[in-house]
Each structure stands twice: as structure tokens, then as C-alpha cells.
Amino acid sequence: MSNVEGAVEFLERQRSVQSSFFAASQGQFALSFLGTSSTRGIAVALSLHPLLGLERVAGGPLRVELQGELQRGAFAGESVTISLTDWERFRGYQLKTETAVSDEDPRLCEALGAGRLALTASQVFTVHHTPNTVHMFETIPVEDVVETARVARWAVVGVGTAANVSPRFLTSFEVNDGVLALFHGDGHFNKTWMNLQQNTDASHLVFDRADGTGYLFEGRCEEITADAAPRAYAETQLHYPRLGYGPPARVYRQLVRRLTAVRA
């Protein structure tokens, strides 16, 4: 089995597995975490980690302890974002570090030994997990974040300039001439949209919630019209409203340049 065939089989399986959490999808969607950054030509570095703990440091920033290593450290001008999701309650948060003032800025990440690391987050944003809306607020009750961290087994981490990790439902995928294409809809002018306006290099991370296995898909993610991919465009327009919203304002296609099997 080729890497592409294995990835497609995994996506099909996730459609079925995830329908128990997202019943409205009727087995048509696979939840992905879409990582974007604002520096043209450089994709956000995404990684999946077991979440070991979260605590508030002396009434200030949040300290997030994870298992495993980042894809890479943050360079000067970049930041790290941590996405936590409570699947059952359909709720999640993004925790963002300060912007690094130098390469490998020690304020952002601390190696703890034994394959563990700690990230210090100074900002928290809410993320409402639907395919067409991301609600962000500047003031978030810390108790809500801590409560989510208690039940969230996994953290998706992104490193990049204005790094953003946002959930998106893949509504369709297809293979043409050996190239895998992933499709999702969107409805609001949000941070993901802003980043994709500046930089179409993006990363989708889809993983199995039970065991932390999955695939990282990297490539160009661009808005398309119906003529570019008639079947996938029509599927997105058809299935997208099942979560209680109207047709998507935009449909995006990612042409996967590189895919990598991941295991947290």
C-alpha cells in the first residue's frame, strides 16, 4: 500500500469513528487541525503530543507540560500555539506564547528531561469547533481552560510566524495522478483566513483520538471555485450545512506535497 492509499484509508476510517462525536456529520467529515502561519513559503511546524498537565504560574501565564519534542524550536519573530480540545463538549482553546525575541527563546519552551517539555502561554483564545466559525475573545476564564485540559488527552502544537491552529472539518478528499487533495469549507474572516491570504503553505493534522496515530499533510491550501474540483466542491456545499449552518462562503483545497505518518 502506498503512503497516499494508506492516508486515504485512514481518513475514511476517521469519518466513521468520528461520527460518534460529531453525529450531525453523518459520517461525512473528518476533523483536522489546520496550521497556518503568515510568512510566505513557510508552513507552520505541527506536532501532536500527549498532554501531561496545565497550571497557572503565580497568577500570570499558563504552563503547559507535554510529552515529546516539537518539530523545531521557534526562531526570532515566531511564536508557539497549543490547541486543546474537549471532543465530547465540542469546545477548545488555543494557548499562545509570546513572540520569540531570539532563536530558541528560553521564555517559550523549557526541556524537562525524559522526553518532556513545558511551554509558557501568555494568551488564550476560545475556539468553537465547527467548520465555519472560530470565535475568539481576549479574556478567558482560566478555570474553563483548566477544565478542558483535565479531559483533553492530546495537544496539537504549531510553530511559526503568527502561528495559528484551528479545527476544520474535511468534507471531501480525492486523488488525481497520485496527488492527494483535501477540501474544507469556511465561513468567516478569521485568523486562518488572514494567514492564508499571506501564505498558502499550510498543514493539516488528522489523528485518531484513541491512540494518537494519524497523518500530517503539508502543501498549498487555496480557495477554489466549483470549476476547479466540481465533485468535491459540490460535496462540501452539500454536507457542510449538516452542522446547522448555511452553505460555506469559501471552499479550500490543499494539494498535499508531503504526507507523514505521526504517532504521539
C-alpha atoms as a PDB file:
ATOM      1  CA  MET A   1       0.000   0.000   0.000  1.00  0.00           C
ATOM      2  CA  SER A   2       1.370   3.442  -0.921  1.00  0.00           C
ATOM      3  CA  ASN A   3       1.542   6.335   1.540  1.00  0.00           C
ATOM      4  CA  VAL A   4      -1.334   8.033  -0.270  1.00  0.00           C
ATOM      5  CA  GLU A   5      -3.500   4.907  -0.205  1.00  0.00           C
ATOM      6  CA  GLY A   6      -2.772   4.438   3.490  1.00  0.00           C
ATOM      7  CA  ALA A   7      -3.664   8.049   4.231  1.00  0.00           C
ATOM      8  CA  VAL A   8      -6.940   7.848   2.304  1.00  0.00           C
ATOM      9  CA  GLU A   9      -7.851   4.629   4.121  1.00  0.00           C
ATOM     10  CA  PHE A  10      -7.124   6.353   7.434  1.00  0.00           C
ATOM     11  CA  LEU A  11      -9.285   9.376   6.515  1.00  0.00           C
ATOM     12  CA  GLU A  12     -12.169   7.112   5.521  1.00  0.00           C
ATOM     13  CA  ARG A  13     -11.867   5.270   8.834  1.00  0.00           C
ATOM     14  CA  GLN A  14     -11.848   8.532  10.778  1.00  0.00           C
ATOM     15  CA  ARG A  15     -15.041   9.607   9.051  1.00  0.00           C
ATOM     16  CA  SER A  16     -16.739   6.593  10.611  1.00  0.00           C
ATOM     17  CA  VAL A  17     -15.007   6.740  14.005  1.00  0.00           C
ATOM     18  CA  GLN A  18     -15.614  10.447  14.499  1.00  0.00           C
ATOM     19  CA  SER A  19     -19.309  10.259  13.637  1.00  0.00           C
ATOM     20  CA  SER A  20     -19.888   9.086  17.227  1.00  0.00           C
ATOM     21  CA  PHE A  21     -18.677  12.514  18.408  1.00  0.00           C
ATOM     22  CA  PHE A  22     -19.995  14.622  15.545  1.00  0.00           C
ATOM     23  CA  ALA A  23     -23.303  12.922  14.837  1.00  0.00           C
ATOM     24  CA  ALA A  24     -24.520  15.700  12.564  1.00  0.00           C
ATOM     25  CA  SER A  25     -21.747  14.876  10.086  1.00  0.00           C
ATOM     26  CA  GLN A  26     -23.440  11.519   9.334  1.00  0.00           C
ATOM     27  CA  GLY A  27     -20.025  10.031   8.700  1.00  0.00           C
ATOM     28  CA  GLN A  28     -19.083  12.585   6.047  1.00  0.00           C
ATOM     29  CA  PHE A  29     -16.441  14.642   7.870  1.00  0.00           C
ATOM     30  CA  ALA A  30     -13.004  14.049   9.320  1.00  0.00           C
ATOM     31  CA  LEU A  31     -11.825  16.569  11.898  1.00  0.00           C
ATOM     32  CA  SER A  32      -8.480  18.139  11.057  1.00  0.00           C
ATOM     33  CA  PHE A  33      -6.338  20.710  12.813  1.00  0.00           C
ATOM     34  CA  LEU A  34      -5.235  23.241  10.226  1.00  0.00           C
ATOM     35  CA  GLY A  35      -1.973  25.014  10.948  1.00  0.00           C
ATOM     36  CA  THR A  36      -1.162  28.295   9.211  1.00  0.00           C
ATOM     37  CA  SER A  37       1.477  30.998   9.502  1.00  0.00           C
ATOM     38  CA  SER A  38       1.923  34.408   7.932  1.00  0.00           C
ATOM     39  CA  THR A  39       5.422  34.018   6.444  1.00  0.00           C
ATOM     40  CA  ARG A  40       5.115  33.281   2.741  1.00  0.00           C
ATOM     41  CA  GLY A  41       6.536  29.934   1.701  1.00  0.00           C
ATOM     42  CA  ILE A  42       6.997  28.553   5.223  1.00  0.00           C
ATOM     43  CA  ALA A  43       4.407  26.150   6.626  1.00  0.00           C
ATOM     44  CA  VAL A  44       3.698  26.085  10.340  1.00  0.00           C
ATOM     45  CA  ALA A  45       5.534  23.203  12.044  1.00  0.00           C
ATOM     46  CA  LEU A  46       2.787  20.992  13.527  1.00  0.00           C
ATOM     47  CA  SER A  47       3.204  18.209  16.066  1.00  0.00           C
ATOM     48  CA  LEU A  48       0.923  16.080  18.253  1.00  0.00           C
ATOM     49  CA  HIS A  49       1.663  15.493  21.943  1.00  0.00           C
ATOM     50  CA  PRO A  50       0.173  13.734  24.952  1.00  0.00           C
ATOM     51  CA  LEU A  51      -0.939  16.461  27.368  1.00  0.00           C
ATOM     52  CA  LEU A  52       0.648  15.894  30.781  1.00  0.00           C
ATOM     53  CA  GLY A  53      -0.592  18.927  32.686  1.00  0.00           C
ATOM     54  CA  LEU A  54      -1.533  22.585  32.760  1.00  0.00           C
ATOM     55  CA  GLU A  55      -1.182  25.090  35.571  1.00  0.00           C
ATOM     56  CA  ARG A  56      -1.238  28.827  36.104  1.00  0.00           C
ATOM     57  CA  VAL A  57       2.081  30.357  37.115  1.00  0.00           C
ATOM     58  CA  ALA A  58       1.729  32.815  40.013  1.00  0.00           C
ATOM     59  CA  GLY A  59      -1.495  34.292  38.659  1.00  0.00           C
ATOM     60  CA  GLY A  60       0.131  35.008  35.321  1.00  0.00           C
ATOM     61  CA  PRO A  61       0.824  32.854  32.248  1.00  0.00           C
ATOM     62  CA  LEU A  62      -0.181  29.240  31.796  1.00  0.00           C
ATOM     63  CA  ARG A  63       2.432  26.492  31.874  1.00  0.00           C
ATOM     64  CA  VAL A  64       1.618  23.540  29.617  1.00  0.00           C
ATOM     65  CA  GLU A  65       3.560  20.307  30.085  1.00  0.00           C
ATOM     66  CA  LEU A  66       3.743  17.904  27.133  1.00  0.00           C
ATOM     67  CA  GLN A  67       5.350  14.630  26.177  1.00  0.00           C
ATOM     68  CA  GLY A  68       7.599  14.540  23.127  1.00  0.00           C
ATOM     69  CA  GLU A  69       9.558  17.063  21.090  1.00  0.00           C
ATOM     70  CA  LEU A  70       8.445  19.929  18.881  1.00  0.00           C
ATOM     71  CA  GLN A  71       9.132  19.663  15.169  1.00  0.00           C
ATOM     72  CA  ARG A  72      11.511  22.560  15.739  1.00  0.00           C
ATOM     73  CA  GLY A  73      12.034  25.474  18.076  1.00  0.00           C
ATOM     74  CA  ALA A  74      10.752  28.974  17.391  1.00  0.00           C
ATOM     75  CA  PHE A  75      13.007  31.388  15.538  1.00  0.00           C
ATOM     76  CA  ALA A  76      13.084  35.111  16.293  1.00  0.00           C
ATOM     77  CA  GLY A  77       9.739  36.669  15.353  1.00  0.00           C
ATOM     78  CA  GLU A  78       7.841  33.387  15.657  1.00  0.00           C
ATOM     79  CA  SER A  79       5.539  32.042  18.347  1.00  0.00           C
ATOM     80  CA  VAL A  80       4.143  28.717  19.505  1.00  0.00           C
ATOM     81  CA  THR A  81       0.449  27.903  19.748  1.00  0.00           C
ATOM     82  CA  ILE A  82      -1.092  24.971  21.623  1.00  0.00           C
ATOM     83  CA  SER A  83      -4.545  23.702  20.654  1.00  0.00           C
ATOM     84  CA  LEU A  84      -6.531  21.769  23.301  1.00  0.00           C
ATOM     85  CA  THR A  85      -9.849  20.101  22.509  1.00  0.00           C
ATOM     86  CA  ASP A  86     -12.643  18.603  24.590  1.00  0.00           C
ATOM     87  CA  TRP A  87     -14.226  16.418  21.907  1.00  0.00           C
ATOM     88  CA  GLU A  88     -17.348  15.445  23.858  1.00  0.00           C
ATOM     89  CA  ARG A  89     -18.287  19.039  24.650  1.00  0.00           C
ATOM     90  CA  PHE A  90     -17.266  20.338  21.219  1.00  0.00           C
ATOM     91  CA  ARG A  91     -15.103  23.017  22.817  1.00  0.00           C
ATOM     92  CA  GLY A  92     -11.461  24.018  22.726  1.00  0.00           C
ATOM     93  CA  TYR A  93      -8.817  26.664  23.267  1.00  0.00           C
ATOM     94  CA  GLN A  94      -5.658  27.967  21.683  1.00  0.00           C
ATOM     95  CA  LEU A  95      -2.899  28.947  24.079  1.00  0.00           C
ATOM     96  CA  LYS A  96      -0.218  31.163  22.552  1.00  0.00           C
ATOM     97  CA  THR A  97       3.260  32.048  23.716  1.00  0.00           C
ATOM     98  CA  GLU A  98       4.961  35.391  23.465  1.00  0.00           C
ATOM     99  CA  THR A  99       6.763  36.135  20.210  1.00  0.00           C
ATOM    100  CA  ALA A 100      10.354  34.910  20.360  1.00  0.00           C
ATOM    101  CA  VAL A 101      12.910  37.724  20.543  1.00  0.00           C
ATOM    102  CA  SER A 102      15.735  35.364  19.565  1.00  0.00           C
ATOM    103  CA  ASP A 103      16.131  31.886  18.136  1.00  0.00           C
ATOM    104  CA  GLU A 104      15.248  29.228  20.730  1.00  0.00           C
ATOM    105  CA  ASP A 105      13.987  31.951  23.127  1.00  0.00           C
ATOM    106  CA  PRO A 106      14.021  30.193  26.559  1.00  0.00           C
ATOM    107  CA  ARG A 107      10.914  32.091  27.696  1.00  0.00           C
ATOM    108  CA  LEU A 108       8.768  29.993  25.338  1.00  0.00           C
ATOM    109  CA  CYS A 109       9.910  26.418  25.830  1.00  0.00           C
ATOM    110  CA  GLU A 110      11.737  24.513  28.543  1.00  0.00           C
ATOM    111  CA  ALA A 111      13.154  20.999  28.202  1.00  0.00           C
ATOM    112  CA  LEU A 112      12.284  18.969  31.315  1.00  0.00           C
ATOM    113  CA  GLY A 113      14.130  15.770  30.533  1.00  0.00           C
ATOM    114  CA  ALA A 114      12.740  12.265  29.992  1.00  0.00           C
ATOM    115  CA  GLY A 115      11.184  13.417  26.717  1.00  0.00           C
ATOM    116  CA  ARG A 116       9.046  16.102  28.347  1.00  0.00           C
ATOM    117  CA  LEU A 117       8.797  19.836  27.690  1.00  0.00           C
ATOM    118  CA  ALA A 118       6.938  22.845  29.077  1.00  0.00           C
ATOM    119  CA  LEU A 119       5.533  25.768  27.099  1.00  0.00           C
ATOM    120  CA  THR A 120       4.594  29.113  28.656  1.00  0.00           C
ATOM    121  CA  ALA A 121       1.428  30.613  27.171  1.00  0.00           C
ATOM    122  CA  SER A 122       0.628  34.285  27.696  1.00  0.00           C
ATOM    123  CA  GLN A 123      -2.597  34.457  25.633  1.00  0.00           C
ATOM    124  CA  VAL A 124      -5.682  32.255  25.424  1.00  0.00           C
ATOM    125  CA  PHE A 125      -8.307  32.222  22.678  1.00  0.00           C
ATOM    126  CA  THR A 126     -11.523  30.249  22.527  1.00  0.00           C
ATOM    127  CA  VAL A 127     -12.089  28.057  19.521  1.00  0.00           C
ATOM    128  CA  HIS A 128     -15.633  26.860  18.842  1.00  0.00           C
ATOM    129  CA  HIS A 129     -15.220  23.659  16.860  1.00  0.00           C
ATOM    130  CA  THR A 130     -17.391  23.991  13.793  1.00  0.00           C
ATOM    131  CA  PRO A 131     -16.311  24.064  10.167  1.00  0.00           C
ATOM    132  CA  ASN A 132     -17.393  27.647   9.578  1.00  0.00           C
ATOM    133  CA  THR A 133     -16.741  29.721  12.660  1.00  0.00           C
ATOM    134  CA  VAL A 134     -13.978  30.483  15.093  1.00  0.00           C
ATOM    135  CA  HIS A 135     -14.925  32.739  18.000  1.00  0.00           C
ATOM    136  CA  MET A 136     -12.057  34.490  19.765  1.00  0.00           C
ATOM    137  CA  PHE A 137     -12.181  36.518  22.973  1.00  0.00           C
ATOM    138  CA  GLU A 138      -9.366  38.308  24.710  1.00  0.00           C
ATOM    139  CA  THR A 139     -10.470  37.443  28.272  1.00  0.00           C
ATOM    140  CA  ILE A 140     -10.946  33.760  29.016  1.00  0.00           C
ATOM    141  CA  PRO A 141     -11.728  32.326  32.473  1.00  0.00           C
ATOM    142  CA  VAL A 142      -8.667  30.296  33.406  1.00  0.00           C
ATOM    143  CA  GLU A 143     -10.919  27.775  35.129  1.00  0.00           C
ATOM    144  CA  ASP A 144     -12.516  26.917  31.772  1.00  0.00           C
ATOM    145  CA  VAL A 145      -9.127  26.246  30.220  1.00  0.00           C
ATOM    146  CA  VAL A 146      -8.028  24.122  33.172  1.00  0.00           C
ATOM    147  CA  GLU A 147     -11.267  22.143  32.996  1.00  0.00           C
ATOM    148  CA  THR A 148     -10.713  21.438  29.303  1.00  0.00           C
ATOM    149  CA  ALA A 149      -7.113  20.402  29.978  1.00  0.00           C
ATOM    150  CA  ARG A 150      -8.331  17.817  32.514  1.00  0.00           C
ATOM    151  CA  VAL A 151     -10.169  15.872  29.794  1.00  0.00           C
ATOM    152  CA  ALA A 152      -8.041  16.695  26.741  1.00  0.00           C
ATOM    153  CA  ARG A 153      -5.597  13.839  26.157  1.00  0.00           C
ATOM    154  CA  TRP A 154      -3.798  15.477  23.263  1.00  0.00           C
ATOM    155  CA  ALA A 155      -2.302  18.835  22.329  1.00  0.00           C
ATOM    156  CA  VAL A 156      -1.676  19.988  18.768  1.00  0.00           C
ATOM    157  CA  VAL A 157       1.271  22.400  18.707  1.00  0.00           C
ATOM    158  CA  GLY A 158       2.231  24.786  15.920  1.00  0.00           C
ATOM    159  CA  VAL A 159       5.407  26.840  15.499  1.00  0.00           C
ATOM    160  CA  GLY A 160       5.642  29.760  13.080  1.00  0.00           C
ATOM    161  CA  THR A 161       5.111  33.462  12.474  1.00  0.00           C
ATOM    162  CA  ALA A 162       1.652  34.357  13.831  1.00  0.00           C
ATOM    163  CA  ALA A 163       1.147  30.596  14.169  1.00  0.00           C
ATOM    164  CA  ASN A 164      -2.486  29.522  14.259  1.00  0.00           C
ATOM    165  CA  VAL A 165      -4.010  26.064  14.727  1.00  0.00           C
ATOM    166  CA  SER A 166      -7.719  25.852  14.075  1.00  0.00           C
ATOM    167  CA  PRO A 167     -10.089  22.880  13.706  1.00  0.00           C
ATOM    168  CA  ARG A 168     -11.557  22.306  10.270  1.00  0.00           C
ATOM    169  CA  PHE A 169     -13.756  19.512   9.008  1.00  0.00           C
ATOM    170  CA  LEU A 170     -12.503  17.855   5.848  1.00  0.00           C
ATOM    171  CA  THR A 171     -15.627  17.449   3.754  1.00  0.00           C
ATOM    172  CA  SER A 172     -14.024  15.674   0.819  1.00  0.00           C
ATOM    173  CA  PHE A 173     -10.731  14.260  -0.423  1.00  0.00           C
ATOM    174  CA  GLU A 174      -9.643  12.838  -3.756  1.00  0.00           C
ATOM    175  CA  VAL A 175      -6.557  11.553  -5.561  1.00  0.00           C
ATOM    176  CA  ASN A 176      -5.656  12.688  -9.073  1.00  0.00           C
ATOM    177  CA  ASP A 177      -2.484  11.481 -10.808  1.00  0.00           C
ATOM    178  CA  GLY A 178      -1.161  10.318  -7.453  1.00  0.00           C
ATOM    179  CA  VAL A 179      -1.686  13.711  -5.760  1.00  0.00           C
ATOM    180  CA  LEU A 180      -3.965  13.811  -2.723  1.00  0.00           C
ATOM    181  CA  ALA A 181      -6.263  16.822  -2.372  1.00  0.00           C
ATOM    182  CA  LEU A 182      -8.105  17.729   0.850  1.00  0.00           C
ATOM    183  CA  PHE A 183     -11.153  20.021   0.896  1.00  0.00           C
ATOM    184  CA  HIS A 184     -12.794  22.052   3.644  1.00  0.00           C
ATOM    185  CA  GLY A 185     -15.285  24.892   3.875  1.00  0.00           C
ATOM    186  CA  ASP A 186     -15.066  28.144   5.786  1.00  0.00           C
ATOM    187  CA  GLY A 187     -17.418  30.978   6.506  1.00  0.00           C
ATOM    188  CA  HIS A 188     -15.780  33.780   8.488  1.00  0.00           C
ATOM    189  CA  PHE A 189     -12.921  36.202   8.047  1.00  0.00           C
ATOM    190  CA  ASN A 190     -10.753  34.876  10.851  1.00  0.00           C
ATOM    191  CA  LYS A 191      -7.082  34.375  11.682  1.00  0.00           C
ATOM    192  CA  THR A 192      -6.855  31.310   9.444  1.00  0.00           C
ATOM    193  CA  TRP A 193      -8.234  33.323   6.538  1.00  0.00           C
ATOM    194  CA  MET A 194      -5.795  36.157   7.249  1.00  0.00           C
ATOM    195  CA  ASN A 195      -2.810  33.802   7.285  1.00  0.00           C
ATOM    196  CA  LEU A 196      -3.889  32.023   4.089  1.00  0.00           C
ATOM    197  CA  GLN A 197      -4.185  35.397   2.341  1.00  0.00           C
ATOM    198  CA  GLN A 198      -0.488  35.919   3.007  1.00  0.00           C
ATOM    199  CA  ASN A 199       0.833  32.364   2.895  1.00  0.00           C
ATOM    200  CA  THR A 200      -0.851  29.391   1.235  1.00  0.00           C
ATOM    201  CA  ASP A 201       1.623  26.861   2.651  1.00  0.00           C
ATOM    202  CA  ALA A 202      -0.347  25.084   5.367  1.00  0.00           C
ATOM    203  CA  SER A 203      -0.527  21.826   7.306  1.00  0.00           C
ATOM    204  CA  HIS A 204      -3.481  19.581   8.151  1.00  0.00           C
ATOM    205  CA  LEU A 205      -3.099  17.170  11.076  1.00  0.00           C
ATOM    206  CA  VAL A 206      -5.681  14.399  11.393  1.00  0.00           C
ATOM    207  CA  PHE A 207      -5.325  11.896  14.215  1.00  0.00           C
ATOM    208  CA  ASP A 208      -7.160   9.099  15.945  1.00  0.00           C
ATOM    209  CA  ARG A 209      -8.309  10.332  19.326  1.00  0.00           C
ATOM    210  CA  ALA A 210      -7.945   6.865  20.882  1.00  0.00           C
ATOM    211  CA  ASP A 211      -4.271   6.204  20.190  1.00  0.00           C
ATOM    212  CA  GLY A 212      -2.690   9.395  18.828  1.00  0.00           C
ATOM    213  CA  THR A 213      -1.821   7.937  15.429  1.00  0.00           C
ATOM    214  CA  GLY A 214      -2.518   9.868  12.266  1.00  0.00           C
ATOM    215  CA  TYR A 215      -1.136  11.812   9.337  1.00  0.00           C
ATOM    216  CA  LEU A 216       0.388  15.227   8.788  1.00  0.00           C
ATOM    217  CA  PHE A 217      -0.495  16.688   5.390  1.00  0.00           C
ATOM    218  CA  GLU A 218       1.616  19.585   4.084  1.00  0.00           C
ATOM    219  CA  GLY A 219       1.032  21.612   0.931  1.00  0.00           C
ATOM    220  CA  ARG A 220      -0.607  24.647  -0.634  1.00  0.00           C
ATOM    221  CA  CYS A 221      -4.093  25.458   0.637  1.00  0.00           C
ATOM    222  CA  GLU A 222      -6.061  27.822  -1.602  1.00  0.00           C
ATOM    223  CA  GLU A 223      -9.633  28.965  -2.126  1.00  0.00           C
ATOM    224  CA  ILE A 224     -11.209  27.375  -5.210  1.00  0.00           C
ATOM    225  CA  THR A 225     -14.287  27.747  -7.387  1.00  0.00           C
ATOM    226  CA  ALA A 226     -16.643  24.982  -8.482  1.00  0.00           C
ATOM    227  CA  ASP A 227     -14.846  24.642 -11.822  1.00  0.00           C
ATOM    228  CA  ALA A 228     -11.585  23.631 -10.136  1.00  0.00           C
ATOM    229  CA  ALA A 229     -12.978  20.473  -8.494  1.00  0.00           C
ATOM    230  CA  PRO A 230     -16.692  20.024  -9.305  1.00  0.00           C
ATOM    231  CA  ARG A 231     -17.357  16.863  -7.283  1.00  0.00           C
ATOM    232  CA  ALA A 232     -15.514  17.908  -4.136  1.00  0.00           C
ATOM    233  CA  TYR A 233     -16.923  21.431  -4.312  1.00  0.00           C
ATOM    234  CA  ALA A 234     -20.458  20.053  -4.593  1.00  0.00           C
ATOM    235  CA  GLU A 235     -19.863  17.629  -1.695  1.00  0.00           C
ATOM    236  CA  THR A 236     -18.652  20.464   0.510  1.00  0.00           C
ATOM    237  CA  GLN A 237     -21.667  22.591  -0.344  1.00  0.00           C
ATOM    238  CA  LEU A 238     -23.962  19.616   0.338  1.00  0.00           C
ATOM    239  CA  HIS A 239     -22.512  18.283   3.581  1.00  0.00           C
ATOM    240  CA  TYR A 240     -21.319  21.489   5.215  1.00  0.00           C
ATOM    241  CA  PRO A 241     -24.804  22.721   6.288  1.00  0.00           C
ATOM    242  CA  ARG A 242     -25.429  19.483   8.212  1.00  0.00           C
ATOM    243  CA  LEU A 243     -23.830  21.034  11.268  1.00  0.00           C
ATOM    244  CA  GLY A 244     -26.568  23.663  11.344  1.00  0.00           C
ATOM    245  CA  TYR A 245     -25.132  26.368   9.108  1.00  0.00           C
ATOM    246  CA  GLY A 246     -25.773  27.565   5.616  1.00  0.00           C
ATOM    247  CA  PRO A 247     -23.503  26.933   2.626  1.00  0.00           C
ATOM    248  CA  PRO A 248     -19.840  27.858   3.185  1.00  0.00           C
ATOM    249  CA  ALA A 249     -18.683  31.240   1.969  1.00  0.00           C
ATOM    250  CA  ARG A 250     -15.447  29.688   0.713  1.00  0.00           C
ATOM    251  CA  VAL A 251     -14.161  26.247  -0.223  1.00  0.00           C
ATOM    252  CA  TYR A 252     -10.454  25.460   0.159  1.00  0.00           C
ATOM    253  CA  ARG A 253      -8.341  22.769  -1.467  1.00  0.00           C
ATOM    254  CA  GLN A 254      -4.990  21.639  -0.158  1.00  0.00           C
ATOM    255  CA  LEU A 255      -2.786  19.872  -2.690  1.00  0.00           C
ATOM    256  CA  VAL A 256      -0.661  17.628  -0.491  1.00  0.00           C
ATOM    257  CA  ARG A 257       3.030  17.935  -1.290  1.00  0.00           C
ATOM    258  CA  ARG A 258       4.210  15.792   1.594  1.00  0.00           C
ATOM    259  CA  LEU A 259       2.441  13.449   3.994  1.00  0.00           C
ATOM    260  CA  THR A 260       3.918  11.931   7.103  1.00  0.00           C
ATOM    261  CA  ALA A 261       2.553   9.256   9.409  1.00  0.00           C
ATOM    262  CA  VAL A 262       2.558  10.502  13.023  1.00  0.00           C
ATOM    263  CA  ARG A 263       2.385   8.786  16.394  1.00  0.00           C
ATOM    264  CA  ALA A 264       2.279  10.839  19.562  1.00  0.00           C
END
